[in-house]
């Protein structure tokens, strides 16, 4: 009888509450004991009156099987496999695929975030495409996010696939065209696809530039025009000169005067002969010396042609020919501007490899080649780019563990056990869900009993699962009903024991 209790109760502690059970989280045994609702109908008698296994589905599943809500057992491998195998389809309810749009195999129920997004996705629910990819990540297929197709002249595009920040003097939705002032085939996919118009063309045997004909002078219909003041900022508040930032003077018709920065045109919108670039950007370096631009990878407007050294490299580049990225920047300076490491590293690091862009010294509890993952013990979305993206994981472990990969607690402390550290381990009793280090207390039982339960109104718990031959609240009495008698003072004595009649020595010496 004693061993029956030890096996059936499986060394689990149960508690009675004088105020009743929390029926939303607990099951109330007929005797008044409270157990966690998850222990109801789990195939183990945990109520002393066995009521936790009353009226349960007849089917009991084996380890490794999943029990449908309707009671059937199926292989655990069929759970969340995108194909309903239970008659009530309960094997597909609440699966990670739904929460993570099919791009993750695990979900943290505490942080409500997907773990290790796949298929070039990112975000708390794997609902966004990573930089360099475009599409709708919420469709739920492995092909949701496609690589940006920019002919090798950009690595970013919008959600429709339209390329952004085309480099190498290209433009267009796919960076497929050369910008004004450049010629070539931008679809070849090299940094040299588009060259300045005044660069010798290998297909043209006569690269000598033709003189530009001067415009024919037109007679002035009004030989004595009324003098008009020159509009300048502050001179005529009703007139503003639109000169693309290269002049502050224009005539009454808005034609710009004294275009600076190697520009020309009515709006200073063109580069002068011998210079190349886009004058409409509005910066002093819009128009670069054509020869210097080619030698300086389009990052400098001036250079010394004798020494072949560039001056004032732009776009975060450096080197004799502006061919390298500065410290704190990454990219191929011979193909385009250099990107700040902080942008590559989701703002969690300012240092990265100049060539590969792999981040180093990730901060804010992040890790990964782009500081795109939270360290173990932290959860969140590092791609948001804030210092508090990764916070300590609030594991559902009742404060008995800080480690819970996939939401399952590991390394339970304070003498607790269970998926959520919600039970006291054998030999301890109490309510592990109290979330304190002292939730589980050691059973005050002799070695002959390694389990106990709390009893209403009693100061001490009741020891259970006594060895054969012993009985009583602390297993100190001999089970005389089954033929055991005390020897050397019986079970209550330090060296005593309970033996069958005719035995003259205690098994433990």
Protein backbone atom coordinates (compact mmCIF):
# COMPACT_ATOMS: atom_id res chain seq x y z
CA UNK A 1 0.00 0.00 0.00
CA UNK A 2 2.83 2.43 0.88
CA UNK A 3 4.66 1.84 -2.40
CA UNK A 4 1.39 2.37 -4.27
CA UNK A 5 1.25 5.96 -2.99
CA UNK A 6 4.89 6.53 -3.89
CA UNK A 7 4.38 5.43 -7.50
CA UNK A 8 0.93 6.89 -8.15
CA UNK A 9 1.65 10.36 -6.79
CA UNK A 10 5.00 10.45 -8.58
CA UNK A 11 6.60 12.46 -5.81
CA UNK A 12 4.56 15.60 -6.58
CA UNK A 13 3.56 18.04 -3.86
CA UNK A 14 -0.03 19.27 -3.67
CA UNK A 15 -1.38 22.16 -1.63
CA UNK A 16 -4.71 23.11 -0.16
CA UNK A 17 -5.87 26.71 0.01
CA UNK A 18 -8.26 27.83 2.70
CA UNK A 19 -9.46 30.52 0.28
CA UNK A 20 -10.23 28.13 -2.58
CA UNK A 21 -8.41 27.59 -5.88
CA UNK A 22 -7.80 30.11 -8.65
CA UNK A 23 -10.16 28.37 -11.06
CA UNK A 24 -8.74 30.19 -14.06
CA UNK A 25 -5.30 28.65 -13.49
CA UNK A 26 -5.91 25.79 -11.08
CA UNK A 27 -8.03 22.67 -10.77
CA UNK A 28 -9.76 22.02 -7.45
CA UNK A 29 -9.69 18.42 -6.32
CA UNK A 30 -12.82 17.08 -4.66
CA UNK A 31 -10.89 17.01 -1.40
CA UNK A 32 -10.13 20.74 -1.70
CA UNK A 33 -6.57 20.48 -2.92
CA UNK A 34 -5.41 22.85 -5.67
CA UNK A 35 -3.23 21.74 -8.57
CA UNK A 36 -2.08 23.60 -11.68
CA UNK A 37 -4.65 23.29 -14.46
CA UNK A 38 -1.98 21.85 -16.77
CA UNK A 39 -1.84 18.76 -14.55
CA UNK A 40 -5.49 17.96 -15.15
CA UNK A 41 -5.96 14.83 -17.29
CA UNK A 42 -2.22 14.29 -17.74
CA UNK A 43 -2.37 10.58 -16.91
CA UNK A 44 -0.89 11.00 -13.42
CA UNK A 45 -2.96 11.00 -10.23
CA UNK A 46 -2.03 14.20 -8.45
CA UNK A 47 -5.16 14.74 -6.34
CA UNK A 48 -5.20 12.50 -3.27
CA UNK A 49 -8.75 11.49 -4.25
CA UNK A 50 -7.74 10.93 -7.91
CA UNK A 51 -10.39 13.42 -9.08
CA UNK A 52 -7.94 15.16 -11.44
CA UNK A 53 -8.24 12.16 -13.78
CA UNK A 54 -12.05 11.86 -13.62
CA UNK A 55 -14.11 12.38 -16.82
CA UNK A 56 -11.01 12.70 -18.98
CA UNK A 57 -10.88 11.55 -22.62
CA UNK A 58 -10.54 7.79 -22.68
CA UNK A 59 -7.56 7.90 -25.05
CA UNK A 60 -4.21 8.34 -23.31
CA UNK A 61 -1.26 9.17 -25.54
CA UNK A 62 2.21 7.73 -25.27
CA UNK A 63 5.37 9.86 -24.91
CA UNK A 64 6.13 11.51 -28.22
CA UNK A 65 2.48 11.64 -29.22
CA UNK A 66 0.10 14.61 -29.41
CA UNK A 67 -3.40 14.30 -28.00
CA UNK A 68 -6.08 16.01 -30.04
CA UNK A 69 -8.67 18.05 -28.20
CA UNK A 70 -11.16 15.40 -29.27
CA UNK A 71 -9.05 12.73 -27.53
CA UNK A 72 -7.24 10.98 -30.39
CA UNK A 73 -3.49 10.43 -30.31
CA UNK A 74 -1.25 11.25 -33.26
CA UNK A 75 2.51 11.27 -33.73
CA UNK A 76 4.14 14.37 -32.28
CA UNK A 77 5.84 14.93 -35.65
CA UNK A 78 2.44 15.74 -37.17
CA UNK A 79 1.95 18.73 -34.87
CA UNK A 80 2.14 22.05 -36.78
CA UNK A 81 3.05 20.43 -40.12
CA UNK A 82 0.62 22.58 -42.14
CA UNK A 83 -1.71 19.60 -42.58
CA UNK A 84 -4.57 18.97 -40.11
CA UNK A 85 -4.25 15.41 -38.78
CA UNK A 86 -6.67 15.61 -35.84
CA UNK A 87 -10.38 15.32 -36.69
CA UNK A 88 -10.92 18.69 -34.98
CA UNK A 89 -7.73 20.17 -36.54
CA UNK A 90 -6.43 20.99 -33.06
CA UNK A 91 -2.91 19.86 -34.05
CA UNK A 92 -2.56 23.02 -36.19
CA UNK A 93 -4.04 25.49 -33.67
CA UNK A 94 -1.69 28.23 -32.40
CA UNK A 95 1.28 26.99 -34.42
CA UNK A 96 4.42 29.07 -34.94
CA UNK A 97 3.82 29.21 -38.71
CA UNK A 98 0.74 31.35 -38.23
CA UNK A 99 2.41 33.71 -35.76
CA UNK A 100 5.61 34.07 -37.80
CA UNK A 101 4.13 34.02 -41.32
CA UNK A 102 5.92 30.75 -42.06
CA UNK A 103 9.41 32.23 -41.66
CA UNK A 104 10.41 30.83 -38.24
CA UNK A 105 10.36 27.48 -36.47
CA UNK A 106 10.09 28.84 -32.91
CA UNK A 107 8.12 31.48 -31.05
CA UNK A 108 8.74 33.03 -27.62
CA UNK A 109 5.35 33.35 -25.99
CA UNK A 110 6.70 35.64 -23.29
CA UNK A 111 8.28 38.27 -25.54
CA UNK A 112 5.69 37.53 -28.24
CA UNK A 113 8.41 37.43 -30.88
CA UNK A 114 9.58 34.91 -33.46
CA UNK A 115 13.04 33.42 -33.12
CA UNK A 116 15.58 33.36 -35.99
CA UNK A 117 13.52 34.62 -38.93
CA UNK A 118 14.28 32.84 -42.21
CA UNK A 119 13.72 33.50 -45.94
CA UNK A 120 15.37 36.96 -45.79
CA UNK A 121 12.79 38.33 -43.33
CA UNK A 122 13.06 40.24 -40.08
CA UNK A 123 10.85 41.86 -37.44
CA UNK A 124 9.06 40.70 -34.30
CA UNK A 125 6.77 38.48 -36.39
CA UNK A 126 9.09 37.97 -39.38
CA UNK A 127 6.77 40.35 -41.23
CA UNK A 128 9.34 42.54 -43.01
CA UNK A 129 11.94 41.94 -45.71
CA UNK A 130 15.59 42.42 -44.81
CA UNK A 131 17.57 45.27 -46.41
CA UNK A 132 18.45 44.30 -49.96
CA UNK A 133 15.19 42.41 -50.45
CA UNK A 134 11.65 43.46 -51.33
CA UNK A 135 8.14 42.05 -51.26
CA UNK A 136 5.36 41.21 -48.80
CA UNK A 137 6.72 38.98 -46.04
CA UNK A 138 3.19 38.33 -44.74
CA UNK A 139 2.18 36.14 -47.68
CA UNK A 140 3.75 33.16 -45.95
CA UNK A 141 5.99 31.53 -48.58
CA UNK A 142 9.75 31.07 -48.82
CA UNK A 143 9.75 33.39 -51.87
CA UNK A 144 8.05 36.36 -50.15
CA UNK A 145 11.22 38.48 -50.09
CA UNK A 146 13.14 38.70 -53.37
CA UNK A 147 16.60 40.23 -53.90
CA UNK A 148 16.65 43.81 -55.18
CA UNK A 149 17.49 43.75 -58.92
CA UNK A 150 19.55 46.90 -59.45
CA UNK A 151 22.09 45.70 -62.00
CA UNK A 152 24.82 45.84 -59.36
CA UNK A 153 24.47 49.61 -58.82
CA UNK A 154 22.46 49.58 -55.55
CA UNK A 155 21.72 47.22 -52.67
CA UNK A 156 18.41 48.72 -51.56
CA UNK A 157 14.94 49.04 -53.07
CA UNK A 158 11.41 49.85 -51.92
CA UNK A 159 8.61 47.32 -51.32
CA UNK A 160 7.77 47.27 -55.04
CA UNK A 161 11.35 46.51 -56.10
CA UNK A 162 12.16 50.04 -57.29
CA UNK A 163 15.86 50.63 -56.67
CA UNK A 164 17.03 53.40 -54.36
CA UNK A 165 20.27 55.40 -54.33
CA UNK A 166 21.56 54.16 -57.69
CA UNK A 167 25.35 54.46 -57.81
CA UNK A 168 27.99 54.41 -60.53
CA UNK A 169 26.29 57.30 -62.36
CA UNK A 170 23.12 55.30 -63.09
CA UNK A 171 19.40 55.93 -62.65
CA UNK A 172 16.06 54.26 -63.31
CA UNK A 173 13.81 51.82 -61.46
CA UNK A 174 16.45 49.11 -61.91
CA UNK A 175 19.45 51.47 -62.18
CA UNK A 176 19.38 50.43 -65.81
CA UNK A 177 20.13 53.81 -67.41
CA UNK A 178 23.14 56.11 -67.37
CA UNK A 179 22.55 59.52 -65.83
CA UNK A 180 22.67 62.67 -67.99
CA UNK A 181 26.27 63.47 -68.89
CA UNK A 182 27.23 59.78 -68.96
CA UNK A 183 27.04 57.06 -71.57
CA UNK A 184 27.31 53.29 -71.67
CA UNK A 185 25.30 50.17 -70.84
CA UNK A 186 24.24 50.24 -67.19
CA UNK A 187 22.89 46.69 -67.37
CA UNK A 188 26.37 45.14 -67.57
CA UNK A 189 26.60 45.37 -63.78
CA UNK A 190 30.06 46.89 -63.31
CA UNK A 191 31.20 50.13 -61.70
CA UNK A 192 32.51 51.31 -65.08
CA UNK A 193 29.26 50.83 -67.02
CA UNK A 194 28.59 54.57 -67.35
CA UNK A 195 31.47 56.86 -68.28
CA UNK A 196 31.47 60.67 -68.74
CA UNK A 197 30.40 61.84 -72.19
CA UNK A 198 33.77 63.49 -72.79
CA UNK A 199 35.67 60.27 -72.13
CA UNK A 200 37.10 58.84 -75.38
CA UNK A 201 34.77 56.24 -76.85
CA UNK A 202 36.62 53.09 -78.02
CA UNK A 203 34.02 52.77 -80.77
CA UNK A 204 34.74 56.30 -82.05
CA UNK A 205 38.09 56.60 -83.91
CA UNK A 206 38.05 60.39 -83.61
CA UNK A 207 37.68 61.30 -79.94
CA UNK A 208 38.51 64.95 -80.61
CA UNK A 209 35.63 66.99 -79.18
CA UNK A 210 33.78 69.04 -81.77
CA UNK A 211 33.45 72.76 -81.09
CA UNK A 212 30.08 73.81 -79.85
CA UNK A 213 28.50 76.33 -82.26
CA UNK A 214 27.74 79.68 -80.71
CA UNK A 215 24.11 80.73 -80.75
CA UNK A 216 23.20 83.26 -83.45
CA UNK A 217 22.67 86.72 -82.03
CA UNK A 218 19.04 87.81 -82.18
CA UNK A 219 18.03 91.45 -82.69
CA UNK A 220 16.78 93.11 -79.57
CA UNK A 221 13.15 94.13 -80.16
CA UNK A 222 13.51 96.80 -77.54
CA UNK A 223 16.75 98.74 -78.01
CA UNK A 224 16.14 100.89 -74.97
CA UNK A 225 14.73 98.57 -72.33
CA UNK A 226 13.86 99.90 -68.94
CA UNK A 227 16.64 98.92 -66.54
CA UNK A 228 15.53 96.14 -64.15
CA UNK A 229 17.08 95.64 -60.75
CA UNK A 230 19.01 92.40 -60.26
CA UNK A 231 17.02 90.20 -57.88
CA UNK A 232 19.12 89.04 -54.96
CA UNK A 233 18.20 87.54 -51.62
CA UNK A 234 17.07 90.50 -49.60
CA UNK A 235 17.03 92.76 -52.67
CA UNK A 236 13.57 91.86 -53.91
CA UNK A 237 11.57 89.83 -51.46
CA UNK A 238 9.05 88.90 -54.16
CA UNK A 239 11.70 87.36 -56.43
CA UNK A 240 13.74 84.24 -55.56
CA UNK A 241 16.58 82.96 -57.75
CA UNK A 242 16.30 79.28 -58.58
CA UNK A 243 19.90 78.42 -59.39
CA UNK A 244 20.25 74.96 -57.82
CA UNK A 245 22.41 76.40 -55.07
CA UNK A 246 25.16 77.59 -57.42
CA UNK A 247 24.28 81.30 -57.54
CA UNK A 248 22.28 83.91 -55.66
CA UNK A 249 21.86 86.30 -58.59
CA UNK A 250 19.43 86.27 -61.49
CA UNK A 251 17.80 88.75 -63.86
CA UNK A 252 14.18 89.85 -63.98
CA UNK A 253 13.29 86.75 -65.97
CA UNK A 254 14.87 84.42 -63.41
CA UNK A 255 17.94 83.63 -65.52
CA UNK A 256 20.84 82.93 -63.20
CA UNK A 257 24.05 84.97 -63.27
CA UNK A 258 27.59 84.10 -62.28
CA UNK A 259 27.00 80.37 -61.89
CA UNK A 260 29.58 78.92 -59.51
CA UNK A 261 30.91 75.42 -58.79
CA UNK A 262 31.73 74.72 -62.45
CA UNK A 263 28.10 74.99 -63.54
CA UNK A 264 26.27 76.86 -66.28
CA UNK A 265 22.82 77.29 -67.80
CA UNK A 266 19.79 79.46 -67.13
CA UNK A 267 19.34 77.68 -63.80
CA UNK A 268 23.00 76.66 -63.29
CA UNK A 269 21.64 73.22 -64.01
CA UNK A 270 24.47 71.91 -66.20
CA UNK A 271 28.11 71.14 -65.67
CA UNK A 272 30.60 73.14 -67.70
CA UNK A 273 32.55 71.48 -70.47
CA UNK A 274 35.27 69.33 -68.96
CA UNK A 275 33.24 68.64 -65.84
CA UNK A 276 30.79 65.88 -65.09
CA UNK A 277 28.04 65.26 -62.55
CA UNK A 278 24.49 66.29 -61.66
CA UNK A 279 24.34 70.05 -61.06
CA UNK A 280 20.76 69.83 -59.79
CA UNK A 281 21.82 68.16 -56.53
CA UNK A 282 22.71 71.59 -55.18
CA UNK A 283 26.10 70.96 -53.57
CA UNK A 284 29.46 72.60 -54.28
CA UNK A 285 30.84 69.27 -55.52
CA UNK A 286 28.06 68.49 -58.01
CA UNK A 287 30.31 69.00 -61.03
CA UNK A 288 33.64 67.27 -60.93
CA UNK A 289 36.52 67.57 -63.32
CA UNK A 290 35.85 64.79 -65.81
CA UNK A 291 39.38 63.48 -65.75
CA UNK A 292 39.54 63.71 -61.96
CA UNK A 293 36.16 62.06 -61.59
CA UNK A 294 37.33 59.05 -63.54
CA UNK A 295 40.61 58.85 -61.63
CA UNK A 296 38.98 59.44 -58.22
CA UNK A 297 36.11 56.95 -58.58
CA UNK A 298 33.66 59.88 -58.78
CA UNK A 299 34.41 60.88 -55.18
CA UNK A 300 36.49 64.03 -55.83
CA UNK A 301 36.02 67.17 -57.93
CA UNK A 302 39.68 68.11 -58.03
CA UNK A 303 42.99 66.31 -58.43
CA UNK A 304 46.62 66.73 -59.41
CA UNK A 305 46.97 65.09 -62.81
CA UNK A 306 50.75 65.09 -62.56
CA UNK A 307 50.93 63.16 -59.29
CA UNK A 308 47.66 61.28 -59.94
CA UNK A 309 46.47 62.18 -56.44
CA UNK A 310 42.88 63.21 -55.69
CA UNK A 311 41.98 66.16 -53.48
CA UNK A 312 39.19 66.36 -50.90
CA UNK A 313 37.72 62.88 -51.30
CA UNK A 314 33.97 62.86 -50.63
CA UNK A 315 31.36 60.16 -49.83
CA UNK A 316 33.34 58.95 -46.76
CA UNK A 317 36.27 57.77 -48.90
CA UNK A 318 40.02 58.21 -48.67
CA UNK A 319 43.24 57.17 -50.43
CA UNK A 320 45.25 58.59 -53.33
CA UNK A 321 42.34 57.84 -55.67
CA UNK A 322 39.52 57.88 -53.10
CA UNK A 323 39.54 54.12 -53.48
CA UNK A 324 39.07 53.16 -49.80
CA UNK A 325 36.40 53.72 -47.19
CA UNK A 326 37.24 55.76 -44.12
CA UNK A 327 37.36 54.15 -40.69
CA UNK A 328 33.82 53.58 -39.48
CA UNK A 329 32.51 53.07 -43.02
CA UNK A 330 32.17 50.05 -45.30
CA UNK A 331 31.64 49.25 -48.96
CA UNK A 332 33.48 49.21 -52.27
CA UNK A 333 34.61 52.79 -52.84
CA UNK A 334 35.43 51.97 -56.47
CA UNK A 335 31.74 51.26 -57.10
CA UNK A 336 29.91 53.83 -55.01
CA UNK A 337 29.67 55.73 -51.72
CA UNK A 338 30.72 54.16 -48.43
CA UNK A 339 28.03 53.35 -45.87
CA UNK A 340 28.43 54.14 -42.19
CA UNK A 341 29.05 51.05 -40.05
CA UNK A 342 26.34 52.24 -37.68
CA UNK A 343 23.79 51.81 -40.48
CA UNK A 344 25.05 48.35 -41.39
CA UNK A 345 25.09 47.35 -37.72
CA UNK A 346 21.56 48.48 -36.92
CA UNK A 347 23.07 51.34 -34.86
CA UNK A 348 24.50 48.90 -32.30
CA UNK A 349 28.14 49.38 -33.39
CA UNK A 350 30.29 52.01 -35.08
CA UNK A 351 32.98 49.59 -36.21
CA UNK A 352 32.92 47.04 -39.01
CA UNK A 353 35.13 45.48 -41.66
CA UNK A 354 35.70 48.01 -44.43
CA UNK A 355 35.36 45.37 -47.13
CA UNK A 356 32.81 42.83 -45.87
CA UNK A 357 30.74 45.10 -43.64
CA UNK A 358 30.75 42.50 -40.83
CA UNK A 359 30.18 44.34 -37.56
CA UNK A 360 32.43 44.12 -34.51
CA UNK A 361 31.95 45.16 -30.89
CA UNK A 362 28.15 44.87 -31.03
CA UNK A 363 26.60 46.69 -28.08
CA UNK A 364 23.16 46.87 -26.45
CA UNK A 365 23.11 43.07 -25.83
CA UNK A 366 23.22 42.26 -29.56
CA UNK A 367 25.33 39.93 -31.70
CA UNK A 368 25.61 38.67 -35.27
CA UNK A 369 27.30 39.88 -38.46
CA UNK A 370 25.01 42.92 -38.50
CA UNK A 371 24.26 43.04 -34.75
CA UNK A 372 20.87 41.75 -35.86
CA UNK A 373 20.32 39.20 -33.07
CA UNK A 374 19.79 39.49 -29.33
CA UNK A 375 22.30 37.70 -27.11
CA UNK A 376 21.23 34.63 -25.16
CA UNK A 377 19.04 35.74 -22.27
CA UNK A 378 17.74 38.78 -24.13
CA UNK A 379 14.78 39.21 -26.46
CA UNK A 380 13.50 41.83 -28.87
CA UNK A 381 14.02 43.18 -32.39
CA UNK A 382 17.58 44.57 -32.81
CA UNK A 383 16.74 45.87 -36.29
CA UNK A 384 14.77 48.75 -34.75
CA UNK A 385 18.10 50.43 -34.03
CA UNK A 386 17.59 51.68 -30.46
CA UNK A 387 19.66 51.06 -27.35
CA UNK A 388 16.86 49.12 -25.64
CA UNK A 389 15.98 46.80 -28.53
CA UNK A 390 17.16 43.72 -26.60
CA UNK A 391 15.84 43.47 -23.07
CA UNK A 392 16.39 40.70 -20.52
CA UNK A 393 14.09 37.84 -21.45
CA UNK A 394 11.19 37.62 -19.07
CA UNK A 395 11.03 33.84 -19.03
CA UNK A 396 7.77 32.21 -17.88
CA UNK A 397 9.74 30.35 -15.23
CA UNK A 398 8.20 31.78 -12.08
CA UNK A 399 11.53 33.52 -11.38
CA UNK A 400 13.32 30.20 -10.96
CA UNK A 401 15.27 30.42 -14.26
CA UNK A 402 16.47 33.07 -16.70
CA UNK A 403 16.93 30.68 -19.61
CA UNK A 404 13.99 29.67 -21.77
CA UNK A 405 14.84 28.93 -25.42
CA UNK A 406 11.59 28.72 -27.36
CA UNK A 407 9.64 29.55 -24.19
CA UNK A 408 10.63 26.32 -22.40
CA UNK A 409 12.46 26.84 -19.10
CA UNK A 410 15.91 25.34 -18.61
CA UNK A 411 18.07 24.92 -15.50
CA UNK A 412 15.26 25.45 -12.97
CA UNK A 413 16.61 26.54 -9.59
CA UNK A 414 15.30 26.72 -6.01
CA UNK A 415 14.40 23.00 -6.08
CA UNK A 416 11.80 23.42 -8.83
CA UNK A 417 11.13 21.46 -12.00
CA UNK A 418 8.72 21.40 -14.94
CA UNK A 419 8.42 23.16 -18.29
CA UNK A 420 7.81 26.44 -16.46
CA UNK A 421 9.62 25.55 -13.19
CA UNK A 422 6.11 25.33 -11.81
CA UNK A 423 6.53 22.24 -9.63
CA UNK A 424 8.64 21.39 -6.60
CA UNK A 425 11.16 18.65 -7.25
CA UNK A 426 10.85 15.32 -5.36
CA UNK A 427 11.67 15.73 -1.71
CA UNK A 428 10.34 19.29 -1.55
CA UNK A 429 6.88 20.75 -1.04
CA UNK A 430 5.15 24.08 -1.53
CA UNK A 431 3.76 26.22 -4.35
CA UNK A 432 6.52 26.80 -6.92
CA UNK A 433 4.45 29.47 -8.65
CA UNK A 434 4.94 31.86 -5.73
CA UNK A 435 7.96 33.31 -7.60
CA UNK A 436 10.30 33.44 -4.59
CA UNK A 437 13.50 31.46 -3.86
CA UNK A 438 11.76 29.86 -0.87
CA UNK A 439 8.71 28.52 -2.70
CA UNK A 440 9.80 24.91 -2.31
CA UNK A 441 10.83 23.71 1.13
CA UNK A 442 12.54 20.45 1.97
CA UNK A 443 10.21 17.73 3.19
CA UNK A 444 10.83 17.13 6.94
CA UNK A 445 10.76 13.41 6.35
CA UNK A 446 13.23 10.62 7.15
CA UNK A 447 15.17 8.98 4.32
CA UNK A 448 12.42 6.35 4.19
CA UNK A 449 10.12 8.93 2.55
CA UNK A 450 11.12 11.42 -0.13
CA UNK A 451 7.77 13.09 -0.66
CA UNK A 452 5.24 15.05 1.33
CA UNK A 453 2.03 17.06 0.92
CA UNK A 454 0.62 19.97 2.87
CA UNK A 455 -2.46 19.25 4.94
CA UNK A 456 -5.01 21.95 5.84
CA UNK A 457 -4.71 23.08 9.44
CA UNK A 458 -1.47 21.16 10.03
CA UNK A 459 1.82 22.93 10.79
CA UNK A 460 3.90 20.21 9.13
CA UNK A 461 3.33 18.44 5.83
CA UNK A 462 2.46 14.78 5.70
CA UNK A 463 5.18 12.41 4.59
CA UNK A 464 4.11 9.89 1.97
CA UNK A 465 5.49 7.01 -0.01
CA UNK A 466 6.96 5.15 2.99
CA UNK A 467 9.20 2.17 2.35
CA UNK A 468 7.77 -1.29 2.91
CA UNK A 469 7.42 -1.96 6.61
CA UNK A 470 6.91 1.65 7.70
CA UNK A 471 3.91 3.88 8.17
CA UNK A 472 2.86 7.07 9.93
CA UNK A 473 3.08 10.76 9.11
CA UNK A 474 6.88 10.59 9.21
CA UNK A 475 7.28 6.92 8.36
CA UNK A 476 8.53 6.28 11.92
CA UNK A 477 5.99 3.59 12.85
CA UNK A 478 6.22 -0.06 11.95
CA UNK A 479 3.53 -1.50 9.69
CA UNK A 480 2.40 -4.20 12.12
CA UNK A 481 -0.71 -4.93 10.07
CA UNK A 482 1.56 -6.39 7.40
CA UNK A 483 3.83 -8.35 9.71
CA UNK A 484 6.59 -5.80 10.51
CA UNK A 485 7.88 -5.34 14.07
CA UNK A 486 10.25 -2.78 15.64
CA UNK A 487 13.90 -3.66 16.19
CA UNK A 488 16.38 -1.59 18.24
CA UNK A 489 13.70 0.94 19.05
CA UNK A 490 11.87 0.79 15.74
CA UNK A 491 11.68 3.41 13.04
CA UNK A 492 11.71 6.31 15.50
CA UNK A 493 15.18 5.43 16.81
CA UNK A 494 18.34 6.57 14.99
CA UNK A 495 19.63 3.00 14.61
CA UNK A 496 16.26 1.27 14.78
CA UNK A 497 14.22 -0.27 12.01
CA UNK A 498 11.12 -2.26 11.20
CA UNK A 499 11.66 -5.87 10.22
CA UNK A 500 9.59 -8.95 9.66
CA UNK A 501 9.29 -11.36 12.53
CA UNK A 502 12.32 -13.56 12.83
CA UNK A 503 14.79 -11.01 11.39
CA UNK A 504 17.44 -10.09 13.97
CA UNK A 505 19.26 -7.16 12.38
CA UNK A 506 18.40 -3.95 10.60
CA UNK A 507 19.17 -3.85 6.86
CA UNK A 508 21.07 -0.61 7.35
CA UNK A 509 23.25 -2.04 10.07
